[in-house]
Amino acid sequence: MFHCVVESTDSATLLPAIHALRSGAVVMLPTDTIYGLSARIDRPRALQRIREIKGRQEMAPFLVLIPRLEELAALTTRPPSQAVVDLLWPGPVTVLLPARDNLPAPLVGPQGTVAVRWPATPLVLAILEGLGLPIVSTSINRSGGPPLLEPAAIAREFGAAIDVLVDSGPTPDAVASTVIDLTRDPPVIVRQGGRRIDLGELEAAMEGDPTAP
């Protein structure tokens, strides 16, 4: 286990996490919400390791964090319009979009959707931009249990199974992201998280979008 303590977004400080992700490792990262287990989306063994660490059911898909909006084209057949992006991102809102046929199975939900978020946290964005690739993220907990919010507790419980731990301090007040299904008309809030979204405002942003459902 490599323990990486991060106090800034200095690229040199973040290199161990970036190099670990690039090599196919499993990394603990702070996000806009809570700490998550992360790996490259194109490393099947790393994704399987995350499932094994959590004891997660095979059918539960992973969330994808993107470094830039251009990555959406490789993930979904129907990216959100600029008006929707401006309303929801960057930040702690996850959207469900129609998944492309060639995506790895662990990213695709039973309804053929992919869950995507463009984060706002500078530290995570710096790692994503340094890597230049999307990564998965899932809460750090045993399947069915509450997420762990303090790096020390995560290290005690999971440290031996994680390659790099990026520590930005405890997040005791953090909650999971808001999840919105954009494949449905009208859009539906699947999970209410820390960010409140006005569905009327969202529907207005989707009006006139020829790709909307």
Protein backbone atom coordinates (compact mmCIF):
# COMPACT_ATOMS: atom_id res chain seq x y z
CA MET A 1 0.00 0.00 0.00
CA PHE A 2 1.21 3.52 -0.83
CA HIS A 3 -0.22 6.31 1.29
CA CYS A 4 -0.25 9.65 -0.53
CA VAL A 5 -1.18 12.69 1.57
CA VAL A 6 -2.32 15.57 -0.61
CA GLU A 7 -2.64 19.17 0.56
CA SER A 8 -2.72 20.89 -2.84
CA THR A 9 -3.23 20.32 -6.54
CA ASP A 10 0.49 20.56 -7.26
CA SER A 11 1.20 18.17 -10.11
CA ALA A 12 4.33 16.73 -8.48
CA THR A 13 2.37 15.88 -5.34
CA LEU A 14 -0.31 14.12 -7.37
CA LEU A 15 2.03 12.10 -9.58
CA PRO A 16 1.87 8.92 -7.45
CA ALA A 17 -1.91 8.80 -7.82
CA ILE A 18 -1.78 9.62 -11.54
CA HIS A 19 0.91 7.01 -12.22
CA ALA A 20 -0.97 4.41 -10.19
CA LEU A 21 -4.18 4.97 -12.14
CA ARG A 22 -2.28 4.92 -15.42
CA SER A 23 -0.77 1.53 -14.53
CA GLY A 24 -4.17 0.00 -13.70
CA ALA A 25 -4.10 0.35 -9.92
CA VAL A 26 -6.98 0.95 -7.50
CA VAL A 27 -6.85 4.37 -5.85
CA MET A 28 -8.84 6.08 -3.09
CA LEU A 29 -9.84 9.59 -4.14
CA PRO A 30 -11.84 12.41 -2.57
CA THR A 31 -14.62 13.62 -4.88
CA ASP A 32 -17.25 16.38 -4.87
CA THR A 33 -19.13 14.28 -2.35
CA ILE A 34 -17.46 11.40 -0.49
CA TYR A 35 -14.30 9.32 -0.88
CA GLY A 36 -14.42 6.79 -3.69
CA LEU A 37 -12.53 3.82 -5.04
CA SER A 38 -11.29 4.58 -8.53
CA ALA A 39 -9.58 2.92 -11.49
CA ARG A 40 -9.34 3.41 -15.25
CA ILE A 41 -12.51 2.40 -17.04
CA ASP A 42 -10.51 0.27 -19.49
CA ARG A 43 -8.77 -1.94 -16.92
CA PRO A 44 -11.03 -4.98 -16.32
CA ARG A 45 -8.84 -6.46 -13.59
CA ALA A 46 -8.87 -3.19 -11.62
CA LEU A 47 -12.65 -2.98 -11.91
CA GLN A 48 -12.95 -6.55 -10.71
CA ARG A 49 -10.65 -5.78 -7.78
CA ILE A 50 -12.96 -2.93 -6.74
CA ARG A 51 -15.91 -5.32 -6.79
CA GLU A 52 -13.97 -7.79 -4.68
CA ILE A 53 -12.93 -5.09 -2.19
CA LYS A 54 -16.55 -4.03 -1.72
CA GLY A 55 -18.17 -7.44 -2.09
CA ARG A 56 -20.36 -5.78 -4.72
CA GLN A 57 -23.00 -7.55 -6.80
CA GLU A 58 -22.06 -7.99 -10.43
CA MET A 59 -25.13 -6.10 -11.72
CA ALA A 60 -24.35 -2.81 -9.94
CA PRO A 61 -22.70 -0.47 -12.50
CA PHE A 62 -19.91 1.96 -11.70
CA LEU A 63 -20.11 5.74 -11.97
CA VAL A 64 -17.73 7.36 -14.48
CA LEU A 65 -15.87 10.59 -13.71
CA ILE A 66 -14.72 12.54 -16.77
CA PRO A 67 -11.86 15.05 -17.04
CA ARG A 68 -13.53 17.05 -19.82
CA LEU A 69 -16.80 17.19 -21.75
CA GLU A 70 -15.18 15.82 -24.89
CA GLU A 71 -15.06 12.39 -23.23
CA LEU A 72 -18.87 12.15 -23.40
CA ALA A 73 -18.81 11.21 -27.07
CA ALA A 74 -17.05 7.93 -26.25
CA LEU A 75 -19.47 7.08 -23.43
CA THR A 76 -22.94 7.94 -24.67
CA THR A 77 -24.97 8.08 -27.86
CA ARG A 78 -26.79 11.16 -26.60
CA PRO A 79 -24.64 13.70 -24.72
CA PRO A 80 -26.54 16.39 -22.80
CA SER A 81 -26.98 19.76 -24.48
CA GLN A 82 -24.84 22.71 -23.50
CA ALA A 83 -27.82 24.23 -21.68
CA VAL A 84 -28.14 21.10 -19.53
CA VAL A 85 -24.40 20.96 -18.91
CA ASP A 86 -24.41 24.60 -17.81
CA LEU A 87 -27.21 23.84 -15.33
CA LEU A 88 -25.82 20.64 -13.82
CA TRP A 89 -22.04 20.62 -14.16
CA PRO A 90 -19.36 20.70 -12.98
CA GLY A 91 -20.31 19.48 -9.53
CA PRO A 92 -21.99 16.75 -7.46
CA VAL A 93 -24.66 15.73 -9.98
CA THR A 94 -24.55 12.35 -11.72
CA VAL A 95 -26.58 11.88 -14.91
CA LEU A 96 -27.78 8.67 -16.53
CA LEU A 97 -27.29 8.67 -20.30
CA PRO A 98 -27.73 6.07 -23.06
CA ALA A 99 -24.56 3.95 -23.06
CA ARG A 100 -22.56 3.19 -26.18
CA ASP A 101 -22.55 -0.47 -27.19
CA ASN A 102 -18.79 -0.87 -26.80
CA LEU A 103 -18.54 0.21 -23.15
CA PRO A 104 -17.16 -2.27 -20.59
CA ALA A 105 -20.01 -4.19 -18.95
CA PRO A 106 -19.24 -2.88 -15.41
CA LEU A 107 -20.17 0.64 -16.59
CA VAL A 108 -23.56 -0.21 -18.08
CA GLY A 109 -26.77 -0.40 -16.07
CA PRO A 110 -29.59 -2.88 -16.68
CA GLN A 111 -31.50 -0.30 -18.72
CA GLY A 112 -28.53 0.33 -21.00
CA THR A 113 -27.43 3.54 -19.26
CA VAL A 114 -24.07 4.90 -18.16
CA ALA A 115 -23.76 7.11 -15.06
CA VAL A 116 -21.48 10.11 -15.65
CA ARG A 117 -20.26 13.05 -13.60
CA TRP A 118 -17.97 15.96 -14.41
CA PRO A 119 -16.54 16.88 -11.00
CA ALA A 120 -15.70 20.35 -9.74
CA THR A 121 -13.21 19.53 -6.98
CA PRO A 122 -9.81 20.94 -8.08
CA LEU A 123 -7.83 18.02 -6.67
CA VAL A 124 -9.86 15.40 -8.55
CA LEU A 125 -9.88 17.45 -11.74
CA ALA A 126 -6.09 17.80 -11.54
CA ILE A 127 -5.73 14.01 -11.27
CA LEU A 128 -8.21 13.40 -14.09
CA GLU A 129 -6.53 15.95 -16.33
CA GLY A 130 -3.10 14.55 -15.51
CA LEU A 131 -4.32 11.07 -16.42
CA GLY A 132 -6.28 12.29 -19.44
CA LEU A 133 -8.82 9.47 -19.18
CA PRO A 134 -12.17 8.78 -17.47
CA ILE A 135 -12.14 6.74 -14.27
CA VAL A 136 -14.76 4.91 -12.27
CA SER A 137 -15.73 5.96 -8.77
CA THR A 138 -17.74 4.12 -6.14
CA SER A 139 -18.26 4.76 -2.44
CA ILE A 140 -15.84 3.06 -0.07
CA ASN A 141 -17.83 0.56 1.94
CA ARG A 142 -18.70 -3.08 2.16
CA SER A 143 -21.66 -3.74 -0.14
CA GLY A 144 -24.83 -2.70 1.67
CA GLY A 145 -22.97 -0.85 4.43
CA PRO A 146 -22.56 2.91 5.00
CA PRO A 147 -19.72 4.70 3.18
CA LEU A 148 -16.57 5.50 5.14
CA LEU A 149 -15.85 9.24 5.30
CA GLU A 150 -12.47 9.43 7.09
CA PRO A 151 -9.17 8.42 5.50
CA ALA A 152 -7.92 6.82 8.71
CA ALA A 153 -10.99 4.57 8.91
CA ILE A 154 -10.65 3.70 5.21
CA ALA A 155 -6.98 2.81 5.69
CA ARG A 156 -7.81 0.55 8.64
CA GLU A 157 -10.63 -1.23 6.82
CA PHE A 158 -9.37 -1.36 3.24
CA GLY A 159 -5.77 -0.09 3.18
CA ALA A 160 -4.19 -3.45 2.40
CA ALA A 161 -6.34 -3.76 -0.75
CA ILE A 162 -5.85 -0.21 -2.11
CA ASP A 163 -2.70 0.79 -3.99
CA VAL A 164 -2.75 4.56 -3.32
CA LEU A 165 -4.77 6.56 -0.80
CA VAL A 166 -5.20 10.26 -1.59
CA ASP A 167 -5.94 11.94 1.75
CA SER A 168 -7.63 15.35 1.83
CA GLY A 169 -8.99 15.02 5.36
CA PRO A 170 -12.32 13.75 6.74
CA THR A 171 -15.61 14.60 5.01
CA PRO A 172 -18.15 14.01 7.83
CA ASP A 173 -20.81 16.31 6.35
CA ALA A 174 -20.58 14.99 2.78
CA VAL A 175 -23.46 13.22 1.08
CA ALA A 176 -23.68 11.28 -2.15
CA SER A 177 -24.33 12.98 -5.47
CA THR A 178 -27.77 13.75 -6.86
CA VAL A 179 -28.58 11.27 -9.65
CA ILE A 180 -30.80 12.32 -12.55
CA ASP A 181 -32.04 10.05 -15.34
CA LEU A 182 -31.84 12.04 -18.56
CA THR A 183 -33.01 9.09 -20.67
CA ARG A 184 -36.57 9.62 -19.47
CA ASP A 185 -39.06 12.28 -20.54
CA PRO A 186 -39.52 14.18 -18.35
CA PRO A 187 -36.18 13.64 -16.53
CA VAL A 188 -36.39 11.89 -13.16
CA ILE A 189 -34.40 12.38 -9.97
CA VAL A 190 -33.31 8.85 -9.10
CA ARG A 191 -31.50 9.86 -5.91
CA GLN A 192 -31.62 13.16 -4.09
CA GLY A 193 -28.14 14.10 -2.93
CA GLY A 194 -26.60 17.27 -1.59
CA ARG A 195 -27.37 19.34 -4.70
CA ARG A 196 -30.98 20.40 -5.31
CA ILE A 197 -32.10 20.53 -8.94
CA ASP A 198 -35.28 22.26 -10.13
CA LEU A 199 -36.83 19.77 -12.56
CA GLY A 200 -38.83 22.53 -14.24
CA GLU A 201 -35.62 24.42 -14.94
CA LEU A 202 -34.00 21.22 -16.21
CA GLU A 203 -36.92 20.48 -18.54
CA ALA A 204 -36.69 24.02 -19.89
CA ALA A 205 -32.97 23.52 -20.56
CA MET A 206 -33.77 20.32 -22.47
CA GLU A 207 -36.44 21.93 -24.66
CA GLY A 208 -35.35 22.41 -28.22
CA ASP A 209 -32.63 19.76 -27.93
CA PRO A 210 -33.15 17.45 -30.95
CA THR A 211 -31.34 14.60 -29.16
CA ALA A 212 -33.51 14.73 -26.02
CA PRO A 213 -35.80 11.72 -25.37
